[in-house]
Amino acid sequence: MVQTVYVWKPIEDLPQNWIELASTELESLAGIWKSQAKKLHESDALKNFNEQLSREWAIETGIIENLYSIDRGTTQLLIEKGIETTLIPYGTT
């Protein structure tokens, strides 16, 4: 087996011509990004996404730590609808 050896070198400063390395396409992309971010913040889409993501992390953490065992379908339902005991079929956990 061939072993690769990496020799550490200190971080170098940007070259003098660093401005030439910039992409002109990024300015356009940044404008689109800012426009879309503004639309998201004005709607509930970002808030809803973050709430679902938080629920998913909470549920998955409980599964990883063997606090409960829930099938994938029930997990997805709880992520989308909220953590409510009425959504969990009897005997699932």
N, C-alpha and C. Protein backbone atom coordinates (compact mmCIF):
# COMPACT_ATOMS: atom_id res chain seq x y z
N MET A 1 0.84 -1.18 0.00
CA MET A 1 0.00 0.00 0.00
C MET A 1 0.89 1.25 0.00
N VAL A 2 0.61 2.16 -0.90
CA VAL A 2 1.40 3.39 -1.01
C VAL A 2 0.87 4.40 0.00
N GLN A 3 1.77 4.95 0.76
CA GLN A 3 1.37 5.93 1.77
C GLN A 3 1.77 7.32 1.29
N THR A 4 0.81 8.23 1.31
CA THR A 4 1.08 9.60 0.89
C THR A 4 1.50 10.43 2.08
N VAL A 5 2.55 11.19 1.90
CA VAL A 5 3.06 12.03 2.97
C VAL A 5 2.81 13.49 2.58
N TYR A 6 2.22 14.22 3.49
CA TYR A 6 1.98 15.64 3.27
C TYR A 6 2.90 16.46 4.17
N VAL A 7 3.56 17.41 3.58
CA VAL A 7 4.46 18.28 4.33
C VAL A 7 3.72 19.58 4.59
N TRP A 8 3.65 19.99 5.84
CA TRP A 8 2.95 21.21 6.22
C TRP A 8 3.70 22.42 5.71
N LYS A 9 2.94 23.36 5.16
CA LYS A 9 3.50 24.64 4.74
C LYS A 9 2.61 25.73 5.32
N PRO A 10 3.18 26.84 5.74
CA PRO A 10 2.35 27.92 6.27
C PRO A 10 1.42 28.48 5.19
N ILE A 11 0.31 29.02 5.63
CA ILE A 11 -0.64 29.63 4.70
C ILE A 11 0.00 30.86 4.08
N GLU A 12 -0.16 30.95 2.78
CA GLU A 12 0.42 32.09 2.07
C GLU A 12 -0.64 33.15 1.84
N ASP A 13 -0.21 34.39 1.77
CA ASP A 13 -1.11 35.49 1.47
C ASP A 13 -1.57 35.38 0.02
N LEU A 14 -2.66 36.06 -0.30
CA LEU A 14 -3.14 36.08 -1.67
C LEU A 14 -2.10 36.74 -2.57
N PRO A 15 -2.07 36.33 -3.84
CA PRO A 15 -1.11 36.97 -4.74
C PRO A 15 -1.49 38.43 -5.00
N GLN A 16 -0.56 39.20 -5.52
CA GLN A 16 -0.80 40.62 -5.79
C GLN A 16 -1.94 40.81 -6.79
N ASN A 17 -2.12 39.88 -7.70
CA ASN A 17 -3.16 40.00 -8.71
C ASN A 17 -4.46 39.30 -8.29
N TRP A 18 -4.74 39.27 -7.01
CA TRP A 18 -5.90 38.53 -6.50
C TRP A 18 -7.21 39.00 -7.11
N ILE A 19 -7.32 40.26 -7.47
CA ILE A 19 -8.55 40.79 -8.05
C ILE A 19 -8.86 40.12 -9.39
N GLU A 20 -7.83 39.71 -10.09
CA GLU A 20 -8.01 39.02 -11.38
C GLU A 20 -8.57 37.62 -11.19
N LEU A 21 -8.46 37.08 -10.00
CA LEU A 21 -8.96 35.74 -9.73
C LEU A 21 -10.47 35.73 -9.50
N ALA A 22 -11.04 36.90 -9.24
CA ALA A 22 -12.48 36.99 -8.96
C ALA A 22 -13.27 36.67 -10.23
N SER A 23 -14.41 36.04 -10.03
CA SER A 23 -15.29 35.70 -11.15
C SER A 23 -16.37 36.77 -11.29
N THR A 24 -16.56 37.25 -12.49
CA THR A 24 -17.60 38.26 -12.72
C THR A 24 -18.99 37.65 -12.57
N GLU A 25 -19.12 36.36 -12.73
CA GLU A 25 -20.41 35.69 -12.59
C GLU A 25 -20.90 35.70 -11.15
N LEU A 26 -19.98 35.81 -10.20
CA LEU A 26 -20.37 35.77 -8.80
C LEU A 26 -21.19 36.98 -8.39
N GLU A 27 -20.93 38.14 -8.99
CA GLU A 27 -21.72 39.33 -8.67
C GLU A 27 -23.18 39.12 -9.04
N SER A 28 -23.41 38.57 -10.21
CA SER A 28 -24.77 38.28 -10.66
C SER A 28 -25.42 37.24 -9.76
N LEU A 29 -24.67 36.22 -9.43
CA LEU A 29 -25.18 35.17 -8.56
C LEU A 29 -25.51 35.71 -7.17
N ALA A 30 -24.68 36.60 -6.66
CA ALA A 30 -24.93 37.20 -5.35
C ALA A 30 -26.22 38.01 -5.36
N GLY A 31 -26.48 38.71 -6.45
CA GLY A 31 -27.72 39.47 -6.56
C GLY A 31 -28.94 38.57 -6.54
N ILE A 32 -28.87 37.47 -7.26
CA ILE A 32 -29.97 36.50 -7.27
C ILE A 32 -30.15 35.90 -5.88
N TRP A 33 -29.04 35.56 -5.23
CA TRP A 33 -29.09 34.98 -3.89
C TRP A 33 -29.77 35.94 -2.92
N LYS A 34 -29.40 37.21 -2.95
CA LYS A 34 -29.99 38.20 -2.04
C LYS A 34 -31.47 38.37 -2.30
N SER A 35 -31.86 38.36 -3.56
CA SER A 35 -33.28 38.49 -3.92
C SER A 35 -34.08 37.30 -3.39
N GLN A 36 -33.56 36.10 -3.59
CA GLN A 36 -34.24 34.90 -3.12
C GLN A 36 -34.29 34.85 -1.59
N ALA A 37 -33.20 35.25 -0.95
CA ALA A 37 -33.16 35.27 0.52
C ALA A 37 -34.21 36.23 1.06
N LYS A 38 -34.38 37.37 0.42
CA LYS A 38 -35.38 38.35 0.85
C LYS A 38 -36.78 37.76 0.73
N LYS A 39 -37.06 37.08 -0.40
CA LYS A 39 -38.37 36.44 -0.60
C LYS A 39 -38.63 35.39 0.48
N LEU A 40 -37.60 34.60 0.80
CA LEU A 40 -37.75 33.56 1.82
C LEU A 40 -38.05 34.16 3.18
N HIS A 41 -37.35 35.22 3.54
CA HIS A 41 -37.55 35.84 4.85
C HIS A 41 -38.92 36.50 4.95
N GLU A 42 -39.46 36.94 3.82
CA GLU A 42 -40.78 37.57 3.82
C GLU A 42 -41.90 36.53 3.85
N SER A 43 -41.60 35.30 3.53
CA SER A 43 -42.61 34.24 3.56
C SER A 43 -42.37 33.34 4.77
N ASP A 44 -43.24 32.36 4.96
CA ASP A 44 -43.06 31.41 6.05
C ASP A 44 -42.25 30.19 5.62
N ALA A 45 -41.81 30.16 4.37
CA ALA A 45 -41.12 28.98 3.85
C ALA A 45 -39.86 28.65 4.64
N LEU A 46 -39.03 29.65 4.91
CA LEU A 46 -37.79 29.41 5.64
C LEU A 46 -38.08 28.99 7.08
N LYS A 47 -39.04 29.65 7.71
CA LYS A 47 -39.42 29.31 9.08
C LYS A 47 -39.92 27.87 9.15
N ASN A 48 -40.78 27.48 8.21
CA ASN A 48 -41.31 26.12 8.18
C ASN A 48 -40.20 25.10 7.94
N PHE A 49 -39.29 25.42 7.03
CA PHE A 49 -38.18 24.53 6.76
C PHE A 49 -37.33 24.31 8.01
N ASN A 50 -36.99 25.39 8.69
CA ASN A 50 -36.17 25.29 9.90
C ASN A 50 -36.88 24.52 11.01
N GLU A 51 -38.19 24.69 11.14
CA GLU A 51 -38.95 23.93 12.14
C GLU A 51 -38.91 22.45 11.83
N GLN A 52 -39.11 22.10 10.55
CA GLN A 52 -39.06 20.68 10.17
C GLN A 52 -37.66 20.11 10.37
N LEU A 53 -36.66 20.89 10.05
CA LEU A 53 -35.28 20.43 10.23
C LEU A 53 -34.98 20.18 11.71
N SER A 54 -35.45 21.06 12.57
CA SER A 54 -35.25 20.88 14.02
C SER A 54 -35.95 19.62 14.51
N ARG A 55 -37.18 19.40 14.03
CA ARG A 55 -37.90 18.17 14.42
C ARG A 55 -37.17 16.93 13.94
N GLU A 56 -36.67 16.99 12.71
CA GLU A 56 -35.94 15.84 12.18
C GLU A 56 -34.71 15.53 13.02
N TRP A 57 -33.95 16.55 13.37
CA TRP A 57 -32.76 16.34 14.21
C TRP A 57 -33.15 15.77 15.57
N ALA A 58 -34.22 16.28 16.16
CA ALA A 58 -34.65 15.79 17.47
C ALA A 58 -35.06 14.32 17.40
N ILE A 59 -35.84 13.98 16.39
CA ILE A 59 -36.31 12.60 16.24
C ILE A 59 -35.14 11.67 15.95
N GLU A 60 -34.30 12.04 15.01
CA GLU A 60 -33.16 11.20 14.65
C GLU A 60 -32.20 11.02 15.83
N THR A 61 -32.01 12.06 16.63
CA THR A 61 -31.16 11.95 17.82
C THR A 61 -31.73 10.92 18.78
N GLY A 62 -33.04 10.95 18.99
CA GLY A 62 -33.68 9.98 19.87
C GLY A 62 -33.53 8.56 19.36
N ILE A 63 -33.61 8.39 18.04
CA ILE A 63 -33.45 7.06 17.45
C ILE A 63 -32.01 6.59 17.62
N ILE A 64 -31.04 7.47 17.33
CA ILE A 64 -29.62 7.12 17.46
C ILE A 64 -29.29 6.71 18.90
N GLU A 65 -29.88 7.41 19.86
CA GLU A 65 -29.59 7.13 21.27
C GLU A 65 -30.46 6.02 21.84
N ASN A 66 -31.19 5.34 20.97
CA ASN A 66 -32.05 4.21 21.36
C ASN A 66 -33.09 4.59 22.40
N LEU A 67 -33.59 5.82 22.33
CA LEU A 67 -34.67 6.23 23.24
C LEU A 67 -35.99 5.65 22.77
N TYR A 68 -36.12 5.45 21.47
CA TYR A 68 -37.31 4.87 20.89
C TYR A 68 -36.97 4.33 19.51
N SER A 69 -37.88 3.56 18.96
CA SER A 69 -37.70 3.00 17.63
C SER A 69 -38.95 3.32 16.82
N ILE A 70 -38.80 4.10 15.78
CA ILE A 70 -39.93 4.50 14.94
C ILE A 70 -39.57 4.19 13.50
N ASP A 71 -40.55 3.67 12.74
CA ASP A 71 -40.28 3.38 11.34
C ASP A 71 -40.13 4.68 10.54
N ARG A 72 -39.57 4.57 9.37
CA ARG A 72 -39.26 5.76 8.55
C ARG A 72 -40.52 6.55 8.19
N GLY A 73 -41.61 5.86 7.88
CA GLY A 73 -42.85 6.54 7.51
C GLY A 73 -43.38 7.40 8.64
N THR A 74 -43.38 6.85 9.86
CA THR A 74 -43.85 7.61 11.02
C THR A 74 -42.91 8.77 11.31
N THR A 75 -41.61 8.52 11.17
CA THR A 75 -40.64 9.59 11.37
C THR A 75 -40.91 10.74 10.42
N GLN A 76 -41.13 10.43 9.15
CA GLN A 76 -41.39 11.46 8.14
C GLN A 76 -42.68 12.21 8.46
N LEU A 77 -43.71 11.50 8.90
CA LEU A 77 -44.98 12.13 9.26
C LEU A 77 -44.80 13.11 10.42
N LEU A 78 -44.04 12.71 11.43
CA LEU A 78 -43.79 13.58 12.58
C LEU A 78 -42.97 14.81 12.19
N ILE A 79 -42.05 14.62 11.27
CA ILE A 79 -41.24 15.75 10.79
C ILE A 79 -42.13 16.77 10.08
N GLU A 80 -43.02 16.27 9.22
CA GLU A 80 -43.86 17.16 8.42
C GLU A 80 -45.00 17.79 9.22
N LYS A 81 -45.64 17.02 10.09
CA LYS A 81 -46.85 17.50 10.78
C LYS A 81 -46.59 18.02 12.19
N GLY A 82 -45.47 17.68 12.76
CA GLY A 82 -45.19 18.08 14.14
C GLY A 82 -45.19 16.86 15.04
N ILE A 83 -44.53 16.99 16.17
CA ILE A 83 -44.41 15.87 17.10
C ILE A 83 -45.66 15.82 17.96
N GLU A 84 -46.59 14.96 17.55
CA GLU A 84 -47.84 14.77 18.27
C GLU A 84 -48.06 13.28 18.47
N THR A 85 -48.42 12.91 19.68
CA THR A 85 -48.61 11.48 19.98
C THR A 85 -49.74 10.88 19.18
N THR A 86 -50.72 11.67 18.77
CA THR A 86 -51.84 11.13 17.99
C THR A 86 -51.41 10.65 16.61
N LEU A 87 -50.27 11.08 16.15
CA LEU A 87 -49.77 10.67 14.83
C LEU A 87 -48.99 9.37 14.88
N ILE A 88 -48.64 8.92 16.09
CA ILE A 88 -47.83 7.71 16.23
C ILE A 88 -48.75 6.51 16.41
N PRO A 89 -48.72 5.55 15.48
CA PRO A 89 -49.56 4.36 15.62
C PRO A 89 -49.22 3.58 16.89
N TYR A 90 -50.22 2.97 17.51
CA TYR A 90 -50.03 2.21 18.73
C TYR A 90 -49.02 1.10 18.49
N GLY A 91 -48.08 0.95 19.42
CA GLY A 91 -47.09 -0.12 19.35
C GLY A 91 -45.87 0.22 18.50
N THR A 92 -45.82 1.42 17.97
CA THR A 92 -44.68 1.81 17.13
C THR A 92 -43.44 2.07 17.96
N THR A 93 -43.63 2.65 19.16
CA THR A 93 -42.46 2.99 19.97
C THR A 93 -42.32 2.03 21.12
